[in-house]
Protein backbone atom coordinates (compact mmCIF):
# COMPACT_ATOMS: atom_id res chain seq x y z
CA MET A 1 54.57 180.40 109.92
CA LYS A 2 51.20 181.84 110.84
CA PHE A 3 49.41 180.38 113.86
CA LYS A 4 45.93 181.63 114.74
CA ILE A 5 43.86 180.60 117.75
CA LEU A 6 40.22 181.32 117.20
CA SER A 7 36.98 180.37 118.95
CA PHE A 8 33.59 180.20 117.32
CA ALA A 9 31.46 180.14 120.47
CA CYS A 10 29.89 183.51 119.54
CA ALA A 11 28.26 181.90 116.52
CA LEU A 12 26.46 179.38 118.70
CA LEU A 13 24.48 181.61 121.06
CA MET A 14 21.26 181.25 119.08
CA LEU A 15 20.67 177.55 119.78
CA THR A 16 20.14 175.60 123.03
CA PHE A 17 19.42 171.88 123.13
CA GLY A 18 19.39 168.90 125.49
CA CYS A 19 22.02 166.18 125.38
CA ALA A 20 21.84 162.79 123.65
CA HIS A 21 23.92 160.86 121.15
CA GLN A 22 21.03 159.34 119.25
CA GLN A 23 17.90 160.47 117.48
CA PRO A 24 14.63 160.67 119.38
CA GLN A 25 12.73 157.38 119.51
CA PRO A 26 9.24 158.09 118.15
CA ALA A 27 6.73 155.26 117.87
CA ALA A 28 5.95 153.97 114.38
CA THR A 29 2.54 155.65 114.46
CA TRP A 30 1.50 159.21 113.73
CA GLN A 31 2.55 161.43 116.63
CA PRO A 32 1.50 165.08 117.16
CA LEU A 33 4.25 167.72 116.93
CA PHE A 34 1.95 170.56 118.02
CA ASP A 35 -0.48 170.42 120.94
CA GLY A 36 -2.63 173.29 119.64
CA LYS A 37 -1.91 175.41 122.74
CA THR A 38 1.84 175.90 123.20
CA LEU A 39 5.11 175.77 121.25
CA ALA A 40 6.38 172.86 123.36
CA GLY A 41 8.91 170.86 121.33
CA TRP A 42 9.89 173.87 119.21
CA HIS A 43 12.23 176.85 119.61
CA HIS A 44 12.83 180.12 117.76
CA PHE A 45 15.89 180.90 115.65
CA GLY A 46 16.60 184.18 113.86
CA GLU A 47 14.49 187.34 114.07
CA GLY A 48 10.81 187.50 114.97
CA GLU A 49 8.58 184.96 116.66
CA PHE A 50 5.79 182.55 115.86
CA VAL A 51 2.81 182.55 118.23
CA VAL A 52 -0.15 180.27 118.96
CA GLU A 53 -3.59 181.65 118.10
CA ASP A 54 -6.88 179.72 117.90
CA GLY A 55 -5.14 176.33 117.73
CA CYS A 56 -2.68 177.41 114.99
CA ILE A 57 0.98 178.35 114.83
CA VAL A 58 0.96 181.84 113.33
CA GLY A 59 3.83 183.75 111.79
CA LYS A 60 3.06 187.42 111.31
CA THR A 61 4.91 190.70 111.11
CA GLN A 62 3.67 194.27 110.82
CA LYS A 63 6.86 195.40 109.13
CA ALA A 64 9.43 193.61 107.00
CA ALA A 65 12.10 191.91 109.13
CA LYS A 66 15.77 192.23 108.26
CA LEU A 67 16.52 188.62 109.19
CA TYR A 68 14.76 185.32 108.58
CA SER A 69 12.67 183.83 111.37
CA HIS A 70 12.39 180.09 112.02
CA LEU A 71 10.45 177.91 114.41
CA VAL A 72 12.63 174.82 114.79
CA SER A 73 11.83 171.36 116.12
CA ASP A 74 13.83 170.32 119.16
CA ALA A 75 13.98 166.79 117.73
CA VAL A 76 16.05 165.52 114.81
CA TYR A 77 14.55 163.31 112.08
CA ARG A 78 16.09 161.04 109.44
CA ASP A 79 13.51 158.85 107.64
CA PHE A 80 9.97 160.06 108.24
CA SER A 81 6.64 161.32 106.98
CA VAL A 82 5.27 164.61 108.25
CA ARG A 83 1.79 165.95 107.58
CA LEU A 84 0.20 169.31 108.40
CA LYS A 85 -2.17 172.00 107.22
CA PHE A 86 -0.99 175.44 106.12
CA LYS A 87 -2.65 178.69 105.08
CA SER A 88 -0.52 181.36 103.39
CA ILE A 89 -2.08 184.82 103.28
CA LYS A 90 0.81 187.25 102.96
CA GLY A 91 4.57 186.91 102.44
CA ASN A 92 6.82 183.98 101.52
CA SER A 93 7.26 181.04 103.88
CA GLY A 94 8.30 177.41 103.88
CA PHE A 95 8.53 174.17 105.83
CA TYR A 96 12.09 172.79 106.17
CA ILE A 97 13.25 169.19 106.54
CA ARG A 98 16.65 167.67 107.45
CA THR A 99 17.88 171.15 108.32
CA ILE A 100 20.87 172.58 110.19
CA PHE A 101 21.33 176.21 111.24
CA GLU A 102 23.98 178.89 111.04
CA ALA A 103 23.85 182.11 113.08
CA PRO A 104 22.36 184.59 112.83
CA ASP A 105 19.49 183.35 110.63
CA LYS A 106 20.53 180.81 107.97
CA ALA A 107 18.72 177.47 107.54
CA HIS A 108 20.60 174.91 105.42
CA GLY A 109 18.26 172.23 104.12
CA LEU A 110 15.37 171.36 101.84
CA GLN A 111 12.54 173.88 102.01
CA ILE A 112 9.02 172.98 100.93
CA GLU A 113 7.71 176.25 99.54
CA VAL A 114 4.70 177.90 101.19
CA ASP A 115 3.60 181.01 99.29
CA PRO A 116 0.26 182.80 98.75
CA ARG A 117 0.44 182.79 94.96
CA LYS A 118 3.21 180.67 93.37
CA ASN A 119 5.43 177.60 93.72
CA SER A 120 3.79 176.23 96.90
CA GLY A 121 4.66 172.54 97.19
CA GLY A 122 7.96 172.91 95.32
CA ILE A 123 11.33 171.97 96.85
CA TYR A 124 14.07 174.61 97.26
CA GLU A 125 17.53 174.14 98.77
CA SER A 126 18.49 177.27 100.68
CA TYR A 127 22.12 178.43 100.28
CA GLY A 128 22.69 175.53 97.90
CA ARG A 129 21.22 174.40 94.60
CA THR A 130 18.12 176.68 94.86
CA TRP A 131 15.14 175.02 93.09
CA VAL A 132 15.52 171.25 92.89
CA SER A 133 11.88 170.41 92.05
CA LEU A 134 9.62 173.22 90.85
CA PRO A 135 5.96 172.57 90.01
CA SER A 136 4.48 174.05 86.86
CA LYS A 137 1.79 176.74 87.04
CA GLU A 138 -0.63 174.28 85.49
CA LEU A 139 0.04 171.62 88.13
CA GLN A 140 -0.19 174.07 91.02
CA ALA A 141 -3.55 175.29 89.74
CA LYS A 142 -4.86 171.74 90.20
CA TYR A 143 -3.85 171.29 93.85
CA PHE A 144 -3.36 174.68 95.54
CA ARG A 145 -6.13 176.54 97.38
CA PRO A 146 -5.24 180.26 97.62
CA ASP A 147 -6.12 181.97 100.92
CA ASP A 148 -7.42 178.68 102.33
CA TRP A 149 -6.14 175.68 104.27
CA ASN A 150 -4.00 173.20 102.30
CA ASP A 151 -3.00 169.67 103.34
CA LEU A 152 0.75 169.08 103.06
CA LEU A 153 2.39 165.63 103.20
CA ILE A 154 6.18 165.23 103.06
CA GLU A 155 7.71 161.75 102.79
CA ALA A 156 11.49 161.54 103.20
CA TYR A 157 13.14 158.11 103.19
CA GLY A 158 16.80 157.92 102.25
CA GLY A 159 17.28 159.70 98.93
CA HIS A 160 13.56 159.62 98.05
CA VAL A 161 11.67 162.79 98.98
CA LYS A 162 8.04 163.24 97.86
CA VAL A 163 5.74 166.19 98.52
CA SER A 164 1.94 166.11 98.11
CA VAL A 165 -0.46 169.02 98.46
CA ASN A 166 -4.15 168.20 98.87
CA GLY A 167 -3.49 164.64 97.72
CA ILE A 168 -1.61 165.54 94.50
CA VAL A 169 2.17 165.04 94.16
CA SER A 170 3.68 168.50 93.73
CA ALA A 171 7.40 167.66 93.83
CA GLU A 172 9.64 164.59 94.05
CA LEU A 173 13.35 163.77 94.31
CA ALA A 174 14.60 160.27 93.51
CA ASN A 175 18.27 160.49 94.54
CA GLU A 176 18.55 163.33 97.02
CA VAL A 177 22.16 163.98 98.06
CA SER A 178 21.82 166.57 100.85
CA ARG A 179 22.33 165.73 104.54
CA PRO A 180 20.70 162.51 105.81
CA ALA A 181 19.10 163.94 108.95
CA GLY A 182 18.21 167.22 110.58
CA GLN A 183 15.50 169.29 112.21
CA LEU A 184 12.13 170.46 110.94
CA ALA A 185 11.35 174.17 110.75
CA MET A 186 8.76 176.74 109.73
CA GLN A 187 10.01 179.97 108.13
CA MET A 188 9.11 183.63 107.81
CA HIS A 189 11.04 185.19 104.91
CA ALA A 190 13.19 188.25 105.56
CA GLY A 191 12.01 191.45 103.92
CA ASN A 192 8.36 190.33 103.77
CA ASP A 193 5.22 191.43 105.56
CA MET A 194 4.02 188.06 106.82
CA LEU A 195 0.86 186.20 107.68
CA VAL A 196 1.16 182.39 107.52
CA MET A 197 -0.47 179.66 109.62
CA PHE A 198 0.30 176.01 110.39
CA LYS A 199 -1.72 173.42 112.33
CA ASP A 200 -2.38 169.68 112.83
CA ILE A 201 1.35 168.87 112.53
CA GLU A 202 2.12 165.15 112.91
CA VAL A 203 5.12 162.93 112.23
CA LEU A 204 5.50 159.23 111.42
CA ALA A 205 9.01 157.91 112.04
CA GLU A 206 10.60 154.55 112.78
CA PRO A 207 12.65 154.41 115.99
CA ARG A 208 16.41 154.44 115.55
CA THR A 209 18.13 151.87 117.76
CA GLY A 210 21.65 150.66 118.42
CA PRO A 211 25.04 152.39 118.31
CA ASP A 212 26.36 154.41 115.39
CA LYS A 213 27.76 152.19 112.64
CA LYS A 214 31.34 152.44 111.44
CA GLY A 215 32.29 152.45 107.78
CA THR A 216 35.16 153.41 105.51
CA THR A 217 35.79 156.59 103.60
CA SER A 218 36.29 156.89 99.83
CA PRO A 219 39.15 159.39 99.44
CA GLN A 220 39.21 161.54 96.34
CA LYS A 221 40.86 164.78 95.25
CA ILE A 222 38.79 167.88 96.00
CA GLU A 223 38.40 170.30 93.10
CA PRO A 224 37.16 173.90 93.55
CA GLY A 225 33.52 174.80 92.97
CA LYS A 226 32.32 177.37 90.46
CA HIS A 227 33.06 180.24 92.86
CA GLY A 228 36.44 178.87 93.92
CA GLU A 229 35.18 177.33 97.16
CA LEU A 230 36.63 174.06 98.44
CA VAL A 231 34.18 171.63 100.08
CA LEU A 232 35.84 168.85 102.10
CA PRO A 233 33.25 166.14 102.92
CA ALA A 234 33.96 163.62 105.66
CA ARG A 235 33.42 160.71 103.27
CA HIS A 236 36.25 161.84 100.94
CA SER A 237 38.98 162.08 103.57
CA THR A 238 41.83 159.73 104.45
CA ILE A 239 41.71 158.99 108.17
CA THR A 240 44.58 158.12 110.49
CA GLY A 241 44.01 156.55 113.89
CA ARG A 242 42.77 153.39 115.56
CA SER A 243 39.38 154.76 116.61
CA LEU A 244 38.40 157.46 114.10
CA ALA A 245 35.80 156.15 111.61
CA TYR A 246 33.27 157.24 109.04
CA MET A 247 29.61 156.99 110.12
CA PRO A 248 27.48 156.40 106.99
CA GLU A 249 24.17 157.10 108.75
CA TRP A 250 25.32 160.62 109.60
CA ASP A 251 27.72 161.19 106.68
CA ALA A 252 30.27 162.25 109.30
CA LEU A 253 33.55 161.33 110.99
CA GLY A 254 33.20 160.23 114.59
CA PHE A 255 34.91 158.28 117.39
CA TRP A 256 37.85 160.71 117.39
CA ARG A 257 40.64 160.15 119.89
CA ALA A 258 43.53 162.42 120.80
CA GLY A 259 46.00 162.95 117.95
CA GLU A 260 43.88 161.27 115.25
CA SER A 261 43.45 163.07 111.94
CA ALA A 262 41.56 163.35 108.66
CA GLU A 263 43.31 164.50 105.49
CA TRP A 264 42.01 165.73 102.13
CA GLU A 265 43.91 166.08 98.87
CA VAL A 266 42.81 169.38 97.35
CA ASN A 267 43.54 171.51 94.32
CA VAL A 268 43.58 175.13 95.51
CA PRO A 269 42.60 177.44 92.62
CA LYS A 270 44.48 180.52 93.80
CA ALA A 271 46.63 181.67 96.69
CA GLY A 272 45.00 183.78 99.39
CA ASP A 273 43.24 183.91 102.72
CA TYR A 274 40.30 181.50 102.95
CA GLN A 275 37.45 181.63 105.44
CA VAL A 276 36.96 178.25 107.11
CA ALA A 277 33.46 177.00 107.96
CA MET A 278 32.63 173.69 109.57
CA GLU A 279 29.54 171.47 109.92
CA TRP A 280 29.77 169.44 113.13
CA SER A 281 28.06 168.22 116.28
CA VAL A 282 29.12 167.59 119.88
CA ASN A 283 27.23 167.45 123.16
CA ASP A 284 27.85 169.63 126.21
CA GLN A 285 29.86 167.01 128.09
CA ASN A 286 32.43 166.55 125.32
CA ALA A 287 32.62 170.11 123.98
CA GLY A 288 35.57 172.48 124.16
CA HIS A 289 38.41 170.26 122.98
CA SER A 290 41.02 171.58 120.58
CA PHE A 291 41.91 170.68 117.00
CA THR A 292 44.14 172.11 114.29
CA LEU A 293 43.54 172.59 110.56
CA GLN A 294 46.84 172.63 108.66
CA ALA A 295 47.88 173.27 105.06
CA GLY A 296 51.65 173.24 104.51
CA GLN A 297 53.11 175.49 107.21
CA GLU A 298 49.85 177.34 107.78
CA LYS A 299 47.73 176.43 110.82
CA LEU A 300 44.35 177.34 112.22
CA ALA A 301 43.67 176.18 115.78
CA ALA A 302 40.17 176.16 117.27
CA THR A 303 37.96 174.34 119.75
CA ALA A 304 34.86 172.25 119.10
CA GLN A 305 32.06 174.22 120.74
CA SER A 306 28.86 172.52 121.88
CA THR A 307 25.90 172.11 119.54
CA GLY A 308 23.91 170.67 122.45
CA ARG A 309 23.63 167.08 121.21
CA PHE A 310 25.55 164.67 119.02
CA ASP A 311 22.59 164.33 116.65
CA THR A 312 22.20 168.10 116.24
CA TYR A 313 24.60 169.47 113.62
CA GLN A 314 25.19 173.12 112.83
CA ARG A 315 27.47 175.27 110.72
CA ALA A 316 29.72 178.18 111.68
CA THR A 317 32.79 180.04 110.45
CA ILE A 318 35.74 179.18 112.69
CA GLY A 319 38.41 181.50 111.29
CA GLN A 320 40.66 181.82 108.28
CA ILE A 321 43.78 180.20 106.88
CA HIS A 322 46.20 181.20 104.12
CA LEU A 323 46.49 178.72 101.25
CA GLU A 324 48.99 178.58 98.43
CA ALA A 325 47.78 177.69 94.94
CA GLY A 326 48.00 174.16 93.56
CA PRO A 327 47.66 170.55 94.74
CA GLN A 328 48.24 169.97 98.46
CA ALA A 329 47.04 168.19 101.57
CA ILE A 330 44.79 169.80 104.17
CA THR A 331 44.68 168.01 107.53
CA LEU A 332 42.37 168.33 110.52
CA LYS A 333 44.03 166.86 113.61
CA ALA A 334 42.56 166.36 117.07
CA GLY A 335 44.46 167.83 120.00
CA ASP A 336 45.86 165.88 122.95
CA ASP A 337 43.67 167.32 125.70
CA PHE A 338 40.72 164.94 125.89
CA LYS A 339 39.81 161.33 126.63
CA ASN A 340 36.31 160.70 125.29
CA ALA A 341 35.29 162.48 122.07
CA LEU A 342 36.20 165.50 119.95
CA MET A 343 33.13 165.97 117.72
CA ASP A 344 31.29 164.41 114.80
CA LEU A 345 32.49 166.21 111.66
CA ARG A 346 30.44 166.28 108.49
CA GLU A 347 32.23 168.88 106.38
CA VAL A 348 34.91 171.57 106.20
CA ARG A 349 34.36 174.39 103.72
CA LEU A 350 37.00 176.92 102.57
CA MET A 351 35.93 180.11 100.79
CA THR A 352 37.85 183.10 99.51
CA LYS A 353 37.02 186.31 101.34
């Protein structure tokens, strides 16, 4: 039997947040997200930095960066409208919504394209489905102002996401299935000489009140993806324990207590060593507790490292586990060394090396 003890704290050094187990409580009126003078309320992630110049957030590089650069909102948003002005002069950029981050520079979420010449106003899912709503050249010619300021409005409510540029709808999703909440971010593309500007950023969001709701999972067998990867969503697990529950608002498992577990029935396409990545959240006070991922006699033990807040999810690789081919159960079980909370778990992902 193989038993590996691994920590993924090194993957978390790029992000620092405050502590809270609920979303921020904005008023139901338009609120500024940029004061025109400082980057208060935002933080950098990845390579390079955005700066404030003449009342604008400016992303610029004098040489192509090897990594992506992001300016990320401290706050997390679920259902909201955000409006801003952008000017794209050089290099590819974007404005992200409902995003989580993975060191050293990956942003997982929906990106509203910001580009000097093509596809601005389209919706792209980074590290996922790629283009999910791409405007035609003819439509973009009607709304986009090259080398000038453009008004951008993004409306995201449940599965309905609509993007408008200069008052014309450029992209729309009716039944969006990606994560329900996340951070906002501005991007500078790796490998590009950049000059992009953002200003007058405002958000309209209803306050979220009350405790997290508990629901039930809908277990189903997990089949491999087109590249052999196995994605284990929280909602498709079978849970064991008196406290552990599915939280529909977050699409995650929460309220873990010691010894409680989630199990997935999977069909492993081929035997081998699989890298294990996880999407989770936990605040500083409850971080550091142990859990074990087990498949047959194979085990991977790790600890749930802090993401800063319970509403701030992120993704990291936590180690590897050997899997045999064929149908089997994969179980994630909480350890016995804590009293309050383990983490909120949205997804486990297994990929061949």
